Amino acid sequence: MGSGQLQMIRTACMLEEIRDKVIVLTGAMQPARLRKTDALFNVGCAVMALQLLTPGVHIVMNGRVFQPRRVRKNRTLQQFEEI
């Protein structure tokens, strides 16, 4: 797992202490400055998730919602997956 993805998961786990808030973390496999990026899609999904999810900490990537302690990056497939 790249350090950015590991940091996102660690940060999400630390934020779990905050109660009664919907917290959504997201990112991109490809930086926003590249022509072929997933950044805009992931930000749009995160905004939608903020409006629909119950309080807690969530990671939103590739149109999916993950719980911080049940996600990892599959480097072969270049996507997040539930564990």
C-alpha atoms as a PDB file:
ATOM      1  CA  MET A   1       0.000   0.000   0.000  1.00  0.00           C
ATOM      2  CA  GLY A   2       1.350   3.419  -0.891  1.00  0.00           C
ATOM      3  CA  SER A   3       2.048   5.839   1.934  1.00  0.00           C
ATOM      4  CA  GLY A   4      -0.810   8.145   0.867  1.00  0.00           C
ATOM      5  CA  GLN A   5      -3.395   5.389   1.086  1.00  0.00           C
ATOM      6  CA  LEU A   6      -1.958   4.130   4.370  1.00  0.00           C
ATOM      7  CA  GLN A   7      -2.078   7.665   5.776  1.00  0.00           C
ATOM      8  CA  MET A   8      -5.708   8.065   4.699  1.00  0.00           C
ATOM      9  CA  ILE A   9      -6.667   4.839   6.451  1.00  0.00           C
ATOM     10  CA  ARG A  10      -4.709   5.772   9.595  1.00  0.00           C
ATOM     11  CA  THR A  11      -6.264   9.229   9.647  1.00  0.00           C
ATOM     12  CA  ALA A  12      -9.752   7.774   9.233  1.00  0.00           C
ATOM     13  CA  CYS A  13      -9.155   5.376  12.132  1.00  0.00           C
ATOM     14  CA  MET A  14      -8.007   8.235  14.357  1.00  0.00           C
ATOM     15  CA  LEU A  15     -11.089  10.289  13.460  1.00  0.00           C
ATOM     16  CA  GLU A  16     -13.403   7.492  14.625  1.00  0.00           C
ATOM     17  CA  GLU A  17     -13.346   9.051  18.095  1.00  0.00           C
ATOM     18  CA  ILE A  18     -15.486  11.912  16.782  1.00  0.00           C
ATOM     19  CA  ARG A  19     -19.145  11.106  17.350  1.00  0.00           C
ATOM     20  CA  ASP A  20     -22.336  12.449  15.774  1.00  0.00           C
ATOM     21  CA  LYS A  21     -20.619  13.664  12.590  1.00  0.00           C
ATOM     22  CA  VAL A  22     -20.440  12.283   9.086  1.00  0.00           C
ATOM     23  CA  ILE A  23     -16.785  12.344   8.028  1.00  0.00           C
ATOM     24  CA  VAL A  24     -15.793  11.286   4.522  1.00  0.00           C
ATOM     25  CA  LEU A  25     -12.232  10.961   3.265  1.00  0.00           C
ATOM     26  CA  THR A  26     -11.422  10.512  -0.399  1.00  0.00           C
ATOM     27  CA  GLY A  27      -8.509  10.740  -2.770  1.00  0.00           C
ATOM     28  CA  ALA A  28      -7.448   9.700  -6.236  1.00  0.00           C
ATOM     29  CA  MET A  29      -5.385   6.919  -7.715  1.00  0.00           C
ATOM     30  CA  GLN A  30      -4.315   9.360 -10.438  1.00  0.00           C
ATOM     31  CA  PRO A  31      -3.589  13.017  -9.562  1.00  0.00           C
ATOM     32  CA  ALA A  32      -6.147  15.627 -10.642  1.00  0.00           C
ATOM     33  CA  ARG A  33      -3.575  17.296 -12.906  1.00  0.00           C
ATOM     34  CA  LEU A  34      -3.517  14.254 -15.196  1.00  0.00           C
ATOM     35  CA  ARG A  35      -5.896  13.943 -18.117  1.00  0.00           C
ATOM     36  CA  LYS A  36      -7.133  10.509 -17.028  1.00  0.00           C
ATOM     37  CA  THR A  37      -7.936  10.988 -13.338  1.00  0.00           C
ATOM     38  CA  ASP A  38     -10.493   9.634 -10.921  1.00  0.00           C
ATOM     39  CA  ALA A  39     -10.240  12.706  -8.673  1.00  0.00           C
ATOM     40  CA  LEU A  40     -13.376  14.527  -9.858  1.00  0.00           C
ATOM     41  CA  PHE A  41     -15.491  11.377  -9.727  1.00  0.00           C
ATOM     42  CA  ASN A  42     -14.272  10.573  -6.206  1.00  0.00           C
ATOM     43  CA  VAL A  43     -14.940  14.116  -4.945  1.00  0.00           C
ATOM     44  CA  GLY A  44     -18.458  14.001  -6.408  1.00  0.00           C
ATOM     45  CA  CYS A  45     -19.104  10.641  -4.739  1.00  0.00           C
ATOM     46  CA  ALA A  46     -17.767  11.978  -1.436  1.00  0.00           C
ATOM     47  CA  VAL A  47     -20.109  14.981  -1.548  1.00  0.00           C
ATOM     48  CA  MET A  48     -23.059  12.705  -2.225  1.00  0.00           C
ATOM     49  CA  ALA A  49     -21.961  10.330   0.552  1.00  0.00           C
ATOM     50  CA  LEU A  50     -21.857  13.229   3.029  1.00  0.00           C
ATOM     51  CA  GLN A  51     -25.550  13.793   2.390  1.00  0.00           C
ATOM     52  CA  LEU A  52     -26.609  10.139   2.626  1.00  0.00           C
ATOM     53  CA  LEU A  53     -24.457   8.361   5.219  1.00  0.00           C
ATOM     54  CA  THR A  54     -25.086   7.993   8.917  1.00  0.00           C
ATOM     55  CA  PRO A  55     -22.617   9.478  11.424  1.00  0.00           C
ATOM     56  CA  GLY A  56     -19.213   7.840  11.379  1.00  0.00           C
ATOM     57  CA  VAL A  57     -15.990   7.894   9.397  1.00  0.00           C
ATOM     58  CA  HIS A  58     -16.042   6.604   5.850  1.00  0.00           C
ATOM     59  CA  ILE A  59     -13.590   6.341   2.945  1.00  0.00           C
ATOM     60  CA  VAL A  60     -15.132   6.883  -0.483  1.00  0.00           C
ATOM     61  CA  MET A  61     -13.220   5.669  -3.522  1.00  0.00           C
ATOM     62  CA  ASN A  62     -14.303   4.413  -6.958  1.00  0.00           C
ATOM     63  CA  GLY A  63     -18.002   4.980  -6.199  1.00  0.00           C
ATOM     64  CA  ARG A  64     -17.868   2.772  -3.105  1.00  0.00           C
ATOM     65  CA  VAL A  65     -18.023   3.486   0.612  1.00  0.00           C
ATOM     66  CA  PHE A  66     -15.557   1.699   2.895  1.00  0.00           C
ATOM     67  CA  GLN A  67     -15.131   1.472   6.644  1.00  0.00           C
ATOM     68  CA  PRO A  68     -11.584   2.523   7.643  1.00  0.00           C
ATOM     69  CA  ARG A  69     -10.714  -0.717   9.417  1.00  0.00           C
ATOM     70  CA  ARG A  70     -12.013  -2.868   6.558  1.00  0.00           C
ATOM     71  CA  VAL A  71     -10.249  -1.445   3.499  1.00  0.00           C
ATOM     72  CA  ARG A  72      -6.942  -1.779   1.691  1.00  0.00           C
ATOM     73  CA  LYS A  73      -5.508  -0.817  -1.664  1.00  0.00           C
ATOM     74  CA  ASN A  74      -5.095  -3.665  -4.121  1.00  0.00           C
ATOM     75  CA  ARG A  75      -1.967  -2.553  -5.964  1.00  0.00           C
ATOM     76  CA  THR A  76      -2.430  -5.110  -8.747  1.00  0.00           C
ATOM     77  CA  LEU A  77      -5.941  -3.891  -9.593  1.00  0.00           C
ATOM     78  CA  GLN A  78      -5.178  -0.279  -8.603  1.00  0.00           C
ATOM     79  CA  GLN A  79      -8.323   0.024  -6.515  1.00  0.00           C
ATOM     80  CA  PHE A  80      -9.513  -0.030  -2.926  1.00  0.00           C
ATOM     81  CA  GLU A  81     -11.202  -3.190  -1.731  1.00  0.00           C
ATOM     82  CA  GLU A  82     -12.953  -4.417   1.362  1.00  0.00           C
ATOM     83  CA  ILE A  83     -11.075  -6.819   3.637  1.00  0.00           C
END
